[in-house]
Amino acid sequence: MEEEQDPDSMNRLPTKQPKEKSAIIFEEVSSMEWEFIQMNDQEEDLIKRMYRLVGDRWDLIAGRIPGRTAEEIERFWMMQNSPYFEEKRKESIASTLKS
């Protein structure tokens, strides 16, 4: 016994089933909670040179600095170059000099 097939079903492409959305949880970190990251002069110089060369590819830059993560490099860059952190940098330098 042969089943009769719908003539339209042979011309239809199989439909894709929607993928299940994975539950990715992003933790928002306030920049106010960030601590200043101390880099030595060589690390700072390398970050500046690499940034000019590759832009904000933090993972690539971090790969050149042993013991540093891409997140640390990005945070350091933002804190050094953002006007938002300028006052905090001044306060941090002043407190270091008083010690």
C-alpha atoms as a PDB file:
ATOM      1  CA  MET A   1       0.000   0.000   0.000  1.00  0.00           C
ATOM      2  CA  GLU A   2       1.446   3.245  -1.061  1.00  0.00           C
ATOM      3  CA  GLU A   3       0.619   6.422   0.745  1.00  0.00           C
ATOM      4  CA  GLU A   4      -0.577   9.195  -1.401  1.00  0.00           C
ATOM      5  CA  GLN A   5       1.604  12.255  -1.079  1.00  0.00           C
ATOM      6  CA  ASP A   6       0.389  15.765  -1.332  1.00  0.00           C
ATOM      7  CA  PRO A   7       1.856  17.174  -4.583  1.00  0.00           C
ATOM      8  CA  ASP A   8       2.667  20.478  -2.835  1.00  0.00           C
ATOM      9  CA  SER A   9       4.646  18.759  -0.088  1.00  0.00           C
ATOM     10  CA  MET A  10       7.246  17.547  -2.574  1.00  0.00           C
ATOM     11  CA  ASN A  11       7.993  21.108  -3.694  1.00  0.00           C
ATOM     12  CA  ARG A  12       8.259  22.580  -0.211  1.00  0.00           C
ATOM     13  CA  LEU A  13      11.615  23.042   1.457  1.00  0.00           C
ATOM     14  CA  PRO A  14      11.935  21.751   4.969  1.00  0.00           C
ATOM     15  CA  THR A  15      11.318  24.495   7.476  1.00  0.00           C
ATOM     16  CA  LYS A  16      13.890  25.296  10.087  1.00  0.00           C
ATOM     17  CA  GLN A  17      12.869  24.963  13.659  1.00  0.00           C
ATOM     18  CA  PRO A  18      13.642  27.995  15.799  1.00  0.00           C
ATOM     19  CA  LYS A  19      16.708  27.512  17.944  1.00  0.00           C
ATOM     20  CA  GLU A  20      16.269  27.472  21.658  1.00  0.00           C
ATOM     21  CA  LYS A  21      17.479  30.641  23.224  1.00  0.00           C
ATOM     22  CA  SER A  22      20.225  29.909  25.658  1.00  0.00           C
ATOM     23  CA  ALA A  23      20.053  31.655  28.958  1.00  0.00           C
ATOM     24  CA  ILE A  24      23.019  34.008  28.964  1.00  0.00           C
ATOM     25  CA  ILE A  25      23.263  36.074  32.071  1.00  0.00           C
ATOM     26  CA  PHE A  26      25.121  39.328  31.814  1.00  0.00           C
ATOM     27  CA  GLU A  27      26.226  40.818  35.068  1.00  0.00           C
ATOM     28  CA  GLU A  28      26.278  44.577  34.924  1.00  0.00           C
ATOM     29  CA  VAL A  29      29.209  46.062  36.735  1.00  0.00           C
ATOM     30  CA  SER A  30      29.034  49.664  37.767  1.00  0.00           C
ATOM     31  CA  SER A  31      32.103  51.659  36.828  1.00  0.00           C
ATOM     32  CA  MET A  32      31.904  53.249  40.254  1.00  0.00           C
ATOM     33  CA  GLU A  33      32.918  49.876  41.736  1.00  0.00           C
ATOM     34  CA  TRP A  34      36.019  49.579  39.570  1.00  0.00           C
ATOM     35  CA  GLU A  35      39.337  49.786  41.298  1.00  0.00           C
ATOM     36  CA  PHE A  36      42.181  51.470  39.510  1.00  0.00           C
ATOM     37  CA  ILE A  37      44.456  48.948  37.881  1.00  0.00           C
ATOM     38  CA  GLN A  38      48.139  49.497  38.396  1.00  0.00           C
ATOM     39  CA  MET A  39      50.296  48.804  35.354  1.00  0.00           C
ATOM     40  CA  ASN A  40      54.028  49.207  35.155  1.00  0.00           C
ATOM     41  CA  ASP A  41      55.555  51.552  32.569  1.00  0.00           C
ATOM     42  CA  GLN A  42      56.339  48.741  30.135  1.00  0.00           C
ATOM     43  CA  GLU A  43      52.761  47.443  30.243  1.00  0.00           C
ATOM     44  CA  GLU A  44      51.336  50.946  29.723  1.00  0.00           C
ATOM     45  CA  ASP A  45      53.653  51.573  26.779  1.00  0.00           C
ATOM     46  CA  LEU A  46      52.773  48.239  25.188  1.00  0.00           C
ATOM     47  CA  ILE A  47      49.030  48.847  25.632  1.00  0.00           C
ATOM     48  CA  LYS A  48      49.291  52.283  23.990  1.00  0.00           C
ATOM     49  CA  ARG A  49      51.322  50.954  21.061  1.00  0.00           C
ATOM     50  CA  MET A  50      49.078  47.925  20.560  1.00  0.00           C
ATOM     51  CA  TYR A  51      45.946  50.092  20.748  1.00  0.00           C
ATOM     52  CA  ARG A  52      47.288  52.297  17.949  1.00  0.00           C
ATOM     53  CA  LEU A  53      48.041  49.179  15.952  1.00  0.00           C
ATOM     54  CA  VAL A  54      44.944  46.987  16.490  1.00  0.00           C
ATOM     55  CA  GLY A  55      42.381  49.284  18.132  1.00  0.00           C
ATOM     56  CA  ASP A  56      40.161  48.004  20.917  1.00  0.00           C
ATOM     57  CA  ARG A  57      40.866  44.317  20.389  1.00  0.00           C
ATOM     58  CA  TRP A  58      41.516  43.828  24.084  1.00  0.00           C
ATOM     59  CA  ASP A  59      41.939  40.057  23.880  1.00  0.00           C
ATOM     60  CA  LEU A  60      44.726  40.488  21.337  1.00  0.00           C
ATOM     61  CA  ILE A  61      46.449  43.095  23.486  1.00  0.00           C
ATOM     62  CA  ALA A  62      46.068  40.992  26.650  1.00  0.00           C
ATOM     63  CA  GLY A  63      47.691  38.073  24.844  1.00  0.00           C
ATOM     64  CA  ARG A  64      50.902  40.117  24.707  1.00  0.00           C
ATOM     65  CA  ILE A  65      50.935  40.922  28.422  1.00  0.00           C
ATOM     66  CA  PRO A  66      51.400  37.847  30.642  1.00  0.00           C
ATOM     67  CA  GLY A  67      49.048  37.679  33.606  1.00  0.00           C
ATOM     68  CA  ARG A  68      46.587  40.289  32.303  1.00  0.00           C
ATOM     69  CA  THR A  69      43.074  39.623  31.054  1.00  0.00           C
ATOM     70  CA  ALA A  70      41.260  41.423  28.264  1.00  0.00           C
ATOM     71  CA  GLU A  71      38.846  42.855  30.841  1.00  0.00           C
ATOM     72  CA  GLU A  72      41.705  44.337  32.874  1.00  0.00           C
ATOM     73  CA  ILE A  73      43.262  45.902  29.784  1.00  0.00           C
ATOM     74  CA  GLU A  74      39.964  47.410  28.647  1.00  0.00           C
ATOM     75  CA  ARG A  75      39.176  48.725  32.121  1.00  0.00           C
ATOM     76  CA  PHE A  76      42.670  50.213  32.425  1.00  0.00           C
ATOM     77  CA  TRP A  77      42.307  51.899  29.018  1.00  0.00           C
ATOM     78  CA  MET A  78      38.911  53.332  29.856  1.00  0.00           C
ATOM     79  CA  MET A  79      40.090  54.655  33.196  1.00  0.00           C
ATOM     80  CA  GLN A  80      43.165  56.251  31.661  1.00  0.00           C
ATOM     81  CA  ASN A  81      41.393  57.844  28.710  1.00  0.00           C
ATOM     82  CA  SER A  82      37.896  58.634  29.919  1.00  0.00           C
ATOM     83  CA  PRO A  83      37.067  62.135  31.153  1.00  0.00           C
ATOM     84  CA  TYR A  84      34.664  60.507  33.623  1.00  0.00           C
ATOM     85  CA  PHE A  85      37.596  59.044  35.558  1.00  0.00           C
ATOM     86  CA  GLU A  86      39.858  62.092  35.334  1.00  0.00           C
ATOM     87  CA  GLU A  87      38.888  63.439  38.762  1.00  0.00           C
ATOM     88  CA  LYS A  88      39.218  59.998  40.332  1.00  0.00           C
ATOM     89  CA  ARG A  89      42.696  59.616  38.807  1.00  0.00           C
ATOM     90  CA  LYS A  90      43.737  62.933  40.313  1.00  0.00           C
ATOM     91  CA  GLU A  91      42.410  61.881  43.720  1.00  0.00           C
ATOM     92  CA  SER A  92      44.202  58.552  43.473  1.00  0.00           C
ATOM     93  CA  ILE A  93      47.507  60.216  42.558  1.00  0.00           C
ATOM     94  CA  ALA A  94      47.136  62.766  45.358  1.00  0.00           C
ATOM     95  CA  SER A  95      46.455  60.069  47.962  1.00  0.00           C
ATOM     96  CA  THR A  96      49.456  58.069  46.713  1.00  0.00           C
ATOM     97  CA  LEU A  97      51.738  61.070  47.027  1.00  0.00           C
ATOM     98  CA  LYS A  98      50.564  61.782  50.584  1.00  0.00           C
ATOM     99  CA  SER A  99      51.416  58.240  51.696  1.00  0.00           C
END
